[in-house]
Protein backbone atom coordinates (compact mmCIF):
# COMPACT_ATOMS: atom_id res chain seq x y z
CA MET A 1 63.68 103.73 106.55
CA ALA A 2 62.69 106.28 104.32
CA PRO A 3 58.70 107.05 104.19
CA ASN A 4 58.69 106.95 100.37
CA ALA A 5 60.60 103.62 100.25
CA ARG A 6 58.77 100.90 98.62
CA LEU A 7 59.26 97.13 99.61
CA ASP A 8 59.19 94.14 97.38
CA HIS A 9 57.15 91.09 99.19
CA ARG A 10 58.81 88.96 96.66
CA ASN A 11 62.23 89.63 98.43
CA PRO A 12 63.29 86.88 100.73
CA LEU A 13 64.48 89.51 103.60
CA VAL A 14 60.99 91.33 103.30
CA PHE A 15 58.43 89.93 105.90
CA ASP A 16 54.86 90.55 106.11
CA THR A 17 53.28 91.19 109.42
CA HIS A 18 49.47 91.39 108.59
CA GLU A 19 48.97 88.26 110.27
CA LEU A 20 49.46 89.55 113.88
CA GLY A 21 47.21 92.62 113.04
CA ARG A 22 47.84 95.54 115.45
CA ARG A 23 46.83 93.37 118.35
CA PRO A 24 49.50 93.76 121.25
CA GLY A 25 50.59 90.58 122.41
CA ALA A 26 49.97 88.70 119.22
CA LEU A 27 52.81 86.22 118.12
CA GLN A 28 54.20 84.92 115.15
CA ARG A 29 57.10 82.46 114.61
CA LEU A 30 58.83 82.22 111.29
CA ALA A 31 61.63 80.08 109.85
CA ARG A 32 63.23 80.95 106.39
CA THR A 33 66.24 80.07 104.55
CA VAL A 34 67.55 82.75 102.09
CA ASP A 35 70.48 83.57 100.18
CA ALA A 36 72.96 85.71 101.42
CA PRO A 37 73.34 89.02 99.95
CA LYS A 38 76.63 90.43 98.35
CA ASP A 39 79.13 91.80 100.70
CA PHE A 40 77.77 90.23 103.81
CA GLY A 41 80.41 90.45 106.41
CA VAL A 42 83.55 92.43 106.84
CA GLN A 43 84.97 93.22 103.36
CA GLY A 44 88.33 91.67 102.69
CA VAL A 45 88.44 89.84 106.15
CA ILE A 46 85.65 87.39 106.47
CA GLY A 47 82.06 86.98 105.35
CA VAL A 48 79.15 85.04 104.45
CA PRO A 49 79.83 84.17 100.53
CA GLU A 50 77.35 85.80 98.42
CA GLY A 51 74.51 83.18 97.61
CA ALA A 52 75.39 81.23 100.39
CA PRO A 53 72.38 79.84 102.66
CA VAL A 54 71.32 81.44 105.76
CA GLU A 55 69.09 80.00 107.96
CA LEU A 56 66.57 82.59 109.88
CA GLU A 57 64.36 81.83 113.07
CA LEU A 58 62.33 84.83 113.81
CA ARG A 59 59.67 85.69 116.47
CA LEU A 60 57.68 88.48 115.64
CA GLU A 61 55.64 90.23 118.52
CA SER A 62 52.89 92.86 118.17
CA VAL A 63 53.57 95.52 120.58
CA MET A 64 51.56 98.90 120.84
CA GLU A 65 54.13 101.10 118.97
CA GLY A 66 55.01 98.37 116.21
CA VAL A 67 56.18 94.79 115.93
CA LEU A 68 59.34 93.74 117.82
CA VAL A 69 61.43 91.19 115.58
CA THR A 70 63.72 88.89 117.75
CA GLY A 71 65.92 86.39 115.70
CA THR A 72 68.88 84.33 114.90
CA ALA A 73 70.63 83.86 111.83
CA ARG A 74 73.11 80.75 111.21
CA ALA A 75 75.37 80.43 108.27
CA ARG A 76 78.98 79.19 106.96
CA ALA A 77 81.43 82.27 107.03
CA ALA A 78 84.60 82.11 104.91
CA GLY A 79 87.73 84.05 104.93
CA GLU A 80 91.57 84.08 105.48
CA CYS A 81 93.50 83.34 108.68
CA VAL A 82 95.48 86.66 109.74
CA ARG A 83 98.41 84.34 111.03
CA CYS A 84 99.14 81.96 108.22
CA LEU A 85 96.97 83.49 105.54
CA GLU A 86 95.41 79.84 104.69
CA PRO A 87 91.59 79.86 103.71
CA LEU A 88 89.25 79.16 106.65
CA GLU A 89 85.53 78.66 107.38
CA LEU A 90 83.45 78.68 110.48
CA ALA A 91 79.90 78.40 111.70
CA LEU A 92 78.32 81.74 112.30
CA GLU A 93 75.43 82.54 114.52
CA ALA A 94 74.12 85.91 115.02
CA ASP A 95 71.41 87.00 117.36
CA PHE A 96 69.36 90.13 116.91
CA GLN A 97 66.30 92.22 118.15
CA GLU A 98 64.88 95.11 116.31
CA MET A 99 61.45 97.30 116.49
CA PHE A 100 59.81 98.16 113.64
CA SER A 101 57.39 101.00 114.31
CA TYR A 102 54.16 101.94 112.67
CA PRO A 103 54.43 105.15 110.50
CA ASP A 104 51.33 106.74 112.19
CA ALA A 105 52.26 105.91 115.90
CA ASP A 106 53.74 108.11 118.48
CA ASP A 107 56.26 106.57 121.03
CA ARG A 108 53.40 105.57 123.25
CA GLY A 109 51.64 103.64 120.64
CA ARG A 110 49.08 106.19 120.05
CA VAL A 111 47.63 107.07 116.33
CA LYS A 112 49.43 110.51 115.70
CA ALA A 113 46.92 113.21 115.16
CA GLU A 114 49.24 114.81 112.72
CA PRO A 115 52.27 113.64 111.16
CA VAL A 116 55.36 115.32 112.50
CA ASP A 117 58.40 115.97 110.28
CA ASP A 118 61.50 114.94 112.64
CA ALA A 119 64.38 114.02 110.24
CA GLU A 120 66.88 112.89 113.40
CA ASP A 121 63.96 110.54 114.74
CA ASP A 122 63.40 109.03 111.36
CA GLU A 123 67.07 107.94 110.87
CA ASP A 124 67.07 106.15 114.16
CA THR A 125 63.56 104.59 113.65
CA LEU A 126 62.98 101.70 111.22
CA LEU A 127 59.28 102.15 110.08
CA LEU A 128 56.99 99.21 108.81
CA GLU A 129 55.46 99.89 105.38
CA ASP A 130 52.27 98.45 104.35
CA GLY A 131 52.47 96.05 107.20
CA MET A 132 56.10 94.89 105.81
CA PHE A 133 59.76 95.21 107.08
CA ASP A 134 63.09 94.63 105.46
CA LEU A 135 65.26 92.63 107.66
CA GLU A 136 68.47 93.07 105.43
CA PRO A 137 69.86 96.19 107.23
CA VAL A 138 69.50 94.69 110.82
CA LEU A 139 70.98 91.22 109.67
CA ARG A 140 73.84 92.98 108.15
CA ASP A 141 74.54 94.70 111.54
CA ALA A 142 74.11 91.55 113.45
CA VAL A 143 76.39 89.33 111.10
CA VAL A 144 79.24 91.92 111.28
CA LEU A 145 79.33 92.26 115.04
CA ALA A 146 78.97 88.42 115.34
CA LEU A 147 82.22 87.78 113.07
CA PRO A 148 85.84 87.96 114.51
CA MET A 149 87.71 90.77 113.32
CA GLN A 150 90.92 88.78 113.08
CA PRO A 151 89.87 85.18 112.20
CA VAL A 152 92.43 82.27 112.74
CA CYS A 153 92.30 78.70 111.64
CA GLN A 154 92.86 77.70 114.88
CA ASP A 155 93.44 79.11 118.17
CA ASP A 156 97.05 77.96 118.76
CA CYS A 157 97.95 78.81 114.90
CA PRO A 158 102.04 79.53 114.81
CA GLY A 159 101.50 81.78 111.59
CA LEU A 160 104.43 82.02 109.35
CA CYS A 161 108.12 82.16 109.72
CA SER A 162 109.25 85.70 109.86
CA GLU A 163 112.29 85.12 107.54
CA CYS A 164 111.36 82.73 104.83
CA GLY A 165 107.33 82.78 104.94
CA ALA A 166 107.00 78.98 105.55
CA ARG A 167 103.94 77.73 107.15
CA LEU A 168 105.16 76.75 110.67
CA ALA A 169 102.11 74.36 111.29
CA ASP A 170 103.28 72.30 108.52
CA ASP A 171 106.92 71.96 109.77
CA PRO A 172 106.85 72.34 113.63
CA ASP A 173 110.65 72.00 113.83
CA HIS A 174 111.26 74.72 111.14
CA HIS A 175 114.07 77.16 112.33
CA HIS A 176 116.96 79.09 111.05
CA ASP A 177 120.48 79.22 112.49
CA ALA A 178 120.67 82.39 114.12
CA VAL A 179 123.75 84.45 113.73
CA ASP A 180 124.77 87.34 116.00
CA ILE A 181 125.18 90.45 113.84
CA ARG A 182 128.20 91.40 116.13
CA TRP A 183 130.29 88.44 115.00
CA ALA A 184 129.08 88.71 111.20
CA ALA A 185 131.78 91.28 110.46
CA LEU A 186 134.62 89.27 112.24
CA GLN A 187 133.64 86.22 110.37
CA GLY A 188 133.82 88.12 106.86
CA LEU A 189 137.02 89.38 108.12
CA ALA A 190 138.38 85.83 108.96
CA GLY A 191 137.22 84.67 105.53
CA SER A 192 139.10 87.61 103.78
CA LEU A 193 142.42 86.55 105.83
CA GLU A 194 142.14 83.14 105.05
CA ASP A 195 141.96 83.76 101.21
CA GLY A 196 144.79 86.22 101.77
CA GLU A 197 146.81 83.46 103.44
CA LYS A 198 145.94 81.14 100.44
CA ASP A 199 147.32 83.71 97.87
CA GLU A 200 150.35 84.06 99.71
CA MET A 201 151.12 80.30 100.13
CA SER A 202 150.30 79.89 96.42
CA GLY A 203 152.65 82.84 95.66
CA ALA A 204 155.36 81.28 97.94
CA ASP A 205 155.08 77.84 96.24
CA ALA A 206 155.23 79.38 92.75
CA GLU A 207 158.53 81.39 93.72
CA ALA A 208 160.02 77.99 95.29
CA GLY A 209 159.47 76.15 91.85
CA VAL A 210 161.07 78.99 90.25
CA ASP A 211 164.06 78.74 92.13
CA GLU A 212 164.38 75.00 91.88
CA LYS A 213 164.50 75.44 88.13
CA GLN A 214 167.33 78.04 88.45
CA GLU A 215 169.42 75.84 90.71
CA LYS A 216 168.90 73.01 88.05
């Protein structure tokens, strides 16, 4: 988190750690239900709909270098079966753990004598701001990891018919008569011969009729 970021304590995903103080070993347990933010999941595949309830159970533990946050998120995810393309819903449970460090402490939890400008460390370190932290980026990562990349409506979903697109679960006996392509040309030829024979017979009948009239 950038040092100049300003957290809004009214944001339901922003948590205050002032009750812990900076006493290593102090614990705080929290339970909160929040609305899912936008694009909460794998876009275009599956995710928690925006505004849907997300139940959070958190354990905040004060350590030398900051606050260790351990938690579980529970929600209902919605998406589309990759086999039959039908809408689906599934129960989501995502576990996570993250360290939020004091901005003035080194890696041993000691107060720094002077601020050190290390851009690389800042990118990998989540910092507390005025004793608060924003859980949303951690929660997003946990949810994405917990979601299936190829969701199915049921483990044995047969999918769609490759020829006509019918949903096979709705019609277990659905099938198409297989035609061997090696015989297809011969079948066409046979049909042409039959049509030719019919034409010849029709012509012969016509000629016979003419001859009969001439004889009379």
